[in-house]
Protein backbone atom coordinates (compact mmCIF):
# COMPACT_ATOMS: atom_id res chain seq x y z
CA MET A 1 -0.16 -0.24 -0.03
CA ARG A 2 2.75 2.33 1.00
CA SER A 3 4.75 1.85 -2.74
CA LEU A 4 1.61 2.67 -4.31
CA GLY A 5 0.76 5.98 -2.61
CA LEU A 6 4.31 6.88 -3.43
CA VAL A 7 3.19 5.92 -7.16
CA ARG A 8 0.12 8.03 -6.99
CA ARG A 9 2.19 10.57 -5.16
CA LYS A 10 4.97 10.84 -7.70
CA SER A 11 2.29 10.77 -10.92
CA GLN A 12 0.23 13.78 -8.83
CA ALA A 13 3.38 15.95 -8.93
CA ILE A 14 4.23 14.78 -13.29
CA GLU A 15 0.76 16.18 -13.64
CA GLU A 16 0.80 19.09 -12.00
CA ARG A 17 4.13 20.11 -13.41
CA ARG A 18 2.84 19.07 -17.08
CA SER A 19 0.00 21.76 -16.27
CA VAL A 20 2.76 24.64 -15.63
CA PRO A 21 3.29 26.39 -18.99
CA THR A 22 6.66 25.09 -19.96
CA ARG A 23 9.33 28.06 -20.20
CA LEU A 24 12.65 28.76 -21.91
CA SER A 25 15.18 29.25 -19.18
CA LEU A 26 18.29 30.40 -21.40
CA PRO A 27 18.01 32.72 -24.41
CA ARG A 28 16.39 30.93 -26.97
CA ALA A 29 19.36 31.52 -29.78
CA GLU A 30 20.91 29.51 -27.10
CA VAL A 31 19.05 26.88 -26.69
CA GLU A 32 18.11 26.93 -30.50
CA GLU A 33 22.28 26.24 -30.84
CA LYS A 34 22.84 23.47 -27.75
CA LEU A 35 19.58 21.09 -29.60
CA ALA A 36 20.94 21.44 -33.13
CA ALA A 37 24.57 20.04 -31.82
CA ARG A 38 23.07 17.86 -29.55
CA ILE A 39 21.32 16.59 -32.79
CA SER A 40 24.60 16.45 -35.09
CA ALA A 41 25.91 14.51 -32.54
CA GLY A 42 23.38 12.09 -32.61
CA ARG A 43 23.17 11.17 -35.80
CA GLU A 44 27.47 11.04 -35.77
CA ILE A 45 26.59 8.02 -33.32
CA GLN A 46 24.04 6.88 -35.43
CA ASN A 47 26.12 6.38 -38.68
CA LEU A 48 28.92 5.08 -37.31
CA GLY A 49 30.51 1.87 -38.89
CA ILE A 50 29.86 -1.08 -36.88
CA LEU A 51 31.48 -4.18 -37.97
CA SER A 52 31.88 -6.31 -35.02
CA GLU A 53 30.63 -6.87 -31.31
CA GLU A 54 33.57 -4.43 -29.65
CA GLY A 55 32.13 -1.70 -32.49
CA LEU A 56 28.20 -2.33 -31.14
CA GLU A 57 29.18 -1.93 -27.56
CA GLY A 58 31.15 1.51 -27.98
CA ALA A 59 28.72 2.93 -29.71
CA ARG A 60 26.07 1.98 -27.11
CA ALA A 61 28.52 3.70 -24.50
CA LYS A 62 28.58 6.63 -26.85
CA ARG A 63 24.81 6.49 -26.94
CA THR A 64 24.63 6.03 -23.18
CA LYS A 65 26.24 9.34 -22.65
CA TRP A 66 24.93 11.42 -25.47
CA ASN A 67 21.57 10.59 -23.62
CA ALA A 68 22.10 11.58 -20.15
CA TYR A 69 23.51 14.61 -21.71
CA ASN A 70 20.71 15.59 -23.46
CA ILE A 71 18.56 14.96 -20.31
CA GLU A 72 19.98 17.00 -18.29
CA LEU A 73 20.37 19.79 -21.04
CA LEU A 74 16.72 19.61 -21.23
CA LYS A 75 16.36 20.13 -18.04
CA ARG A 76 18.40 23.17 -17.78
CA CYS A 77 16.69 24.68 -20.83
CA PHE A 78 12.88 24.02 -19.84
CA GLU A 79 10.49 25.17 -16.90
CA PRO A 80 9.48 22.99 -15.58
CA ASP A 81 10.91 19.61 -16.33
CA SER A 82 7.85 18.38 -18.78
CA ILE A 83 10.08 19.03 -22.12
CA ALA A 84 12.76 16.67 -20.07
CA GLU A 85 9.97 14.09 -19.06
CA GLU A 86 8.80 14.00 -22.38
CA TYR A 87 12.20 13.28 -23.82
CA GLU A 88 12.81 10.59 -21.12
CA SER A 89 9.76 8.71 -22.04
CA VAL A 90 10.70 7.58 -25.57
CA SER A 91 12.81 4.30 -25.32
CA LEU A 92 16.11 4.64 -25.97
CA LEU A 93 15.67 0.68 -27.25
CA GLY A 94 14.85 -0.43 -30.56
CA VAL A 95 13.12 -4.15 -31.66
CA ILE A 96 15.35 -6.24 -29.20
CA TYR A 97 16.13 -9.44 -30.87
CA THR A 98 17.04 -13.00 -28.87
CA ASN A 99 19.96 -14.69 -30.79
CA ALA A 100 20.11 -12.25 -33.64
CA PRO A 101 22.55 -11.48 -36.16
CA LEU A 102 25.33 -8.43 -35.60
CA SER A 103 23.79 -6.91 -38.55
CA ARG A 104 20.09 -7.24 -37.09
CA ARG A 105 21.26 -5.71 -33.90
CA VAL A 106 22.85 -3.08 -35.21
CA GLU A 107 19.82 -2.21 -37.02
CA SER A 108 17.97 -2.20 -34.20
CA PHE A 109 20.27 -0.27 -32.13
CA ARG A 110 20.20 2.72 -35.00
CA ALA A 111 16.37 2.83 -34.77
CA GLY A 112 16.65 3.11 -30.87
CA LEU A 113 18.63 6.01 -31.08
CA GLY A 114 16.67 7.53 -34.58
CA LYS A 115 13.46 7.88 -31.70
CA LYS A 116 15.35 9.96 -29.62
CA LEU A 117 16.64 11.66 -32.24
CA THR A 118 13.10 12.19 -33.56
CA CYS A 119 11.80 13.87 -30.09
CA LEU A 120 14.90 16.07 -30.28
CA GLU A 121 13.67 17.56 -33.87
CA SER A 122 10.33 17.93 -32.30
CA ILE A 123 11.47 20.06 -29.56
CA LEU A 124 13.42 22.09 -31.51
CA GLU A 125 10.72 22.69 -34.17
CA ARG A 126 8.07 24.00 -31.54
CA LEU A 127 10.78 26.26 -30.14
CA ASP A 128 9.36 29.33 -31.22
CA LEU A 129 6.15 28.09 -29.65
CA ILE A 130 7.23 28.36 -26.49
CA PRO A 131 7.74 31.61 -24.39
CA GLY A 132 11.19 32.86 -22.86
CA ASP A 133 11.80 34.01 -19.54
CA SER A 134 11.22 37.56 -19.73
CA ARG A 135 13.99 38.13 -17.10
CA GLY A 136 16.67 37.02 -19.80
CA ALA A 137 15.25 39.50 -22.49
CA GLU A 138 18.44 41.62 -22.52
CA SER A 139 21.00 38.71 -22.44
CA SER A 140 19.10 36.90 -24.92
CA ALA A 141 19.16 40.00 -26.95
CA THR A 142 23.09 40.33 -26.28
CA THR A 143 23.73 36.69 -26.75
CA ASP A 144 21.42 36.66 -30.31
CA ARG A 145 24.26 39.31 -31.44
CA GLY A 146 26.98 37.32 -30.42
CA HIS A 147 25.07 33.96 -32.10
CA GLN A 148 24.89 35.76 -35.24
CA LYS A 149 28.44 37.04 -35.13
CA ASN A 150 29.84 33.77 -34.67
CA ALA A 151 28.37 31.30 -37.47
CA ALA A 152 29.51 30.07 -40.55
CA PHE A 153 26.76 28.72 -43.29
CA ILE A 154 28.10 25.32 -44.99
CA VAL A 155 27.18 25.18 -49.02
CA HIS A 156 27.38 22.01 -50.09
CA GLY A 157 26.28 19.97 -52.66
CA SER A 158 26.05 16.16 -52.43
CA ASP A 159 29.21 14.94 -50.80
CA GLU A 160 27.73 13.96 -47.49
CA ALA A 161 31.30 12.91 -45.76
CA ALA A 162 33.29 15.96 -47.42
CA LYS A 163 30.27 18.59 -45.48
CA THR A 164 30.06 16.31 -42.27
CA ARG A 165 34.11 17.02 -42.09
CA VAL A 166 34.02 20.04 -42.55
CA ALA A 167 30.83 21.28 -40.12
CA ARG A 168 32.41 19.31 -37.34
CA PHE A 169 35.58 20.98 -37.73
CA VAL A 170 33.86 24.32 -37.40
CA ASP A 171 32.12 23.03 -34.28
CA ARG A 172 35.28 22.35 -33.04
CA LEU A 173 36.22 26.22 -33.55
CA GLY A 174 33.35 26.85 -31.41
CA VAL A 175 31.70 28.71 -34.08
CA ARG A 176 27.72 27.20 -35.09
CA ALA A 177 28.31 25.65 -38.34
CA VAL A 178 24.79 25.73 -39.92
CA VAL A 179 23.69 23.23 -42.27
CA LEU A 180 20.27 24.16 -44.27
CA HIS A 181 19.01 20.53 -43.82
CA GLU A 182 19.31 19.96 -39.81
CA GLN A 183 17.58 23.40 -38.94
CA PRO A 184 14.00 23.18 -38.22
CA ASN A 185 11.26 24.15 -40.84
CA ARG A 186 9.31 26.37 -39.45
CA GLY A 187 6.29 26.21 -42.02
CA GLN A 188 8.77 27.95 -44.46
CA THR A 189 9.59 27.50 -47.90
CA ILE A 190 13.24 26.07 -48.82
CA ILE A 191 14.07 29.53 -50.63
CA GLU A 192 12.56 31.03 -46.82
CA LYS A 193 14.08 29.36 -44.92
CA PHE A 194 17.15 29.40 -46.49
CA GLU A 195 17.16 33.67 -46.48
CA SER A 196 16.51 33.36 -42.52
CA ASN A 197 19.39 31.05 -41.74
CA ALA A 198 21.98 33.14 -44.34
CA ALA A 199 20.94 36.17 -42.08
CA ASP A 200 22.43 35.33 -38.75
CA VAL A 201 25.72 34.22 -39.55
CA GLY A 202 28.83 36.04 -40.17
CA PHE A 203 30.42 33.88 -42.84
CA ALA A 204 29.93 31.43 -45.24
CA ILE A 205 31.94 27.98 -46.76
CA VAL A 206 31.35 27.00 -49.93
CA LEU A 207 32.47 23.29 -50.60
CA LEU A 208 32.80 22.93 -54.54
CA THR A 209 32.95 19.28 -54.59
CA ALA A 210 32.57 16.48 -58.00
CA ASP A 211 28.75 16.48 -57.40
CA ASP A 212 28.54 16.79 -61.63
CA VAL A 213 29.76 17.43 -65.13
CA GLY A 214 29.67 20.01 -67.71
CA ALA A 215 31.29 21.33 -70.93
CA PRO A 216 31.18 23.89 -73.22
CA LYS A 217 28.75 23.29 -75.33
CA ASN A 218 31.33 23.76 -78.35
CA SER A 219 33.64 21.50 -76.93
CA LEU A 220 31.76 18.01 -75.22
CA ASN A 221 35.14 16.02 -75.18
CA SER A 222 36.04 18.20 -72.72
CA ILE A 223 34.55 17.43 -69.97
CA ARG A 224 35.24 18.03 -66.52
CA PRO A 225 33.74 17.74 -62.94
CA ARG A 226 31.37 20.76 -61.56
CA ALA A 227 29.70 21.55 -58.36
CA ARG A 228 26.12 21.59 -58.55
CA GLN A 229 24.82 24.47 -59.50
CA ASN A 230 22.76 25.37 -56.47
CA VAL A 231 26.28 25.62 -54.79
CA LEU A 232 27.07 28.45 -57.33
CA LEU A 233 23.90 30.18 -56.72
CA GLU A 234 24.65 30.39 -53.14
CA LEU A 235 28.23 31.28 -53.51
CA GLY A 236 27.10 34.31 -55.27
CA TYR A 237 24.42 35.33 -52.75
CA PHE A 238 26.75 35.27 -49.64
CA CYS A 239 29.44 37.35 -51.93
CA ALA A 240 26.84 39.90 -52.12
CA ALA A 241 25.27 39.58 -48.48
CA LEU A 242 28.11 39.32 -46.54
CA GLY A 243 31.12 40.31 -48.79
CA ARG A 244 33.70 38.35 -50.63
CA GLU A 245 36.27 38.76 -47.36
CA LYS A 246 33.58 36.69 -45.59
CA VAL A 247 33.09 33.40 -47.85
CA CYS A 248 35.88 30.62 -48.20
CA VAL A 249 35.65 28.07 -50.93
CA LEU A 250 36.73 25.04 -50.82
CA TYR A 251 37.44 22.57 -53.26
CA GLU A 252 38.42 19.54 -54.31
CA ASP A 253 41.66 18.96 -56.79
CA GLY A 254 40.32 18.76 -60.31
CA VAL A 255 36.90 20.58 -59.53
CA GLU A 256 36.06 23.19 -62.15
CA ILE A 257 36.44 26.98 -60.24
CA PRO A 258 34.15 30.11 -61.55
CA SER A 259 35.87 32.53 -62.96
CA ASP A 260 33.82 35.35 -62.02
CA TYR A 261 34.47 35.55 -58.31
CA LEU A 262 37.43 36.98 -57.91
CA GLY A 263 38.33 37.82 -54.64
CA VAL A 264 36.83 34.76 -52.90
CA VAL A 265 39.29 33.07 -51.29
CA TYR A 266 39.82 29.55 -52.92
CA THR A 267 41.63 26.92 -50.51
CA PRO A 268 42.49 23.13 -51.53
CA PHE A 269 40.59 20.67 -50.08
CA ASP A 270 42.88 18.04 -49.08
CA SER A 271 42.81 14.36 -47.77
CA ALA A 272 45.54 15.58 -45.18
CA ASP A 273 43.40 18.49 -43.97
CA GLY A 274 45.94 21.41 -44.79
CA TRP A 275 42.67 23.08 -45.50
CA GLN A 276 41.50 23.47 -41.78
CA LEU A 277 44.38 25.83 -40.95
CA ARG A 278 44.22 27.96 -43.99
CA LEU A 279 40.04 28.17 -43.16
CA ALA A 280 40.60 29.10 -39.36
CA LYS A 281 42.44 32.19 -39.99
CA GLU A 282 40.34 33.48 -42.79
CA MET A 283 37.34 32.87 -40.29
CA LYS A 284 39.10 34.60 -37.56
CA GLU A 285 40.03 37.63 -39.68
CA ALA A 286 36.74 37.90 -40.82
CA GLY A 287 36.16 38.88 -37.10
CA LEU A 288 34.69 35.13 -35.82
CA ASP A 289 36.00 34.13 -32.05
CA ILE A 290 37.73 31.15 -32.37
CA ASP A 291 40.84 29.63 -30.57
CA LEU A 292 43.99 28.76 -33.08
CA ASN A 293 44.78 26.29 -30.90
CA ARG A 294 41.63 24.15 -31.52
CA VAL A 295 43.22 24.00 -35.20
CA ILE A 296 45.49 20.78 -33.60
């Protein structure tokens, strides 16, 4: 009977918290940045190449630490704890198989992590519906200005590996990496979503990777690899919006380089990561707050 009473009181306490409107405990821009970073970190774990039992155990350990951090973060970002409780209520486990082969258990591992990622994405999409703490209004405005300055937009084509390498390097420098498809839609069209996110950055990194091929009409035998058309369009957009000194192009060897963007910094995107220090210096010169010691 005593245990039943404890359960009832706990359930009553949870219901009382849920009846209190959720509010932000931290500035909205800061919460958005932190949630986007946790989603990105979760995707990295979900996409790990798991080829052995040891690999699966290691991935599970990373997932456990990632999940525990998320719970604590949500408790610090929202009050009361209803958002954190919503997240905790989502099971981290996929389908449990008995004596299943490794591939099936890896699939289950990724499915369970996917449920948590979906929950975080849902919270991020609802963020602008949750009122902020009026006590932090002044702090929020200050944070928004710093948030805008210390963010870099990653313009990319279809090379997911290249995009991830650059985005995670930018994160390591302490700069918010803005990748368009990782941002909440908020009911916007693609161009509206692009414009609203592009307005909140102080730098743009454009990846010219071998996504397409092309050649002059009168020289069809001279086919060369080139970037996708949307990448070149966005390159021009940021040159106009930010100024050429705040745009850096990373290009793969052999990819055709546009001839009409003089003054833009072009840096080879080499496998030895020689581009990292050059990019970091350009970002610092453009006014972003970074520590060059983090390049190493």
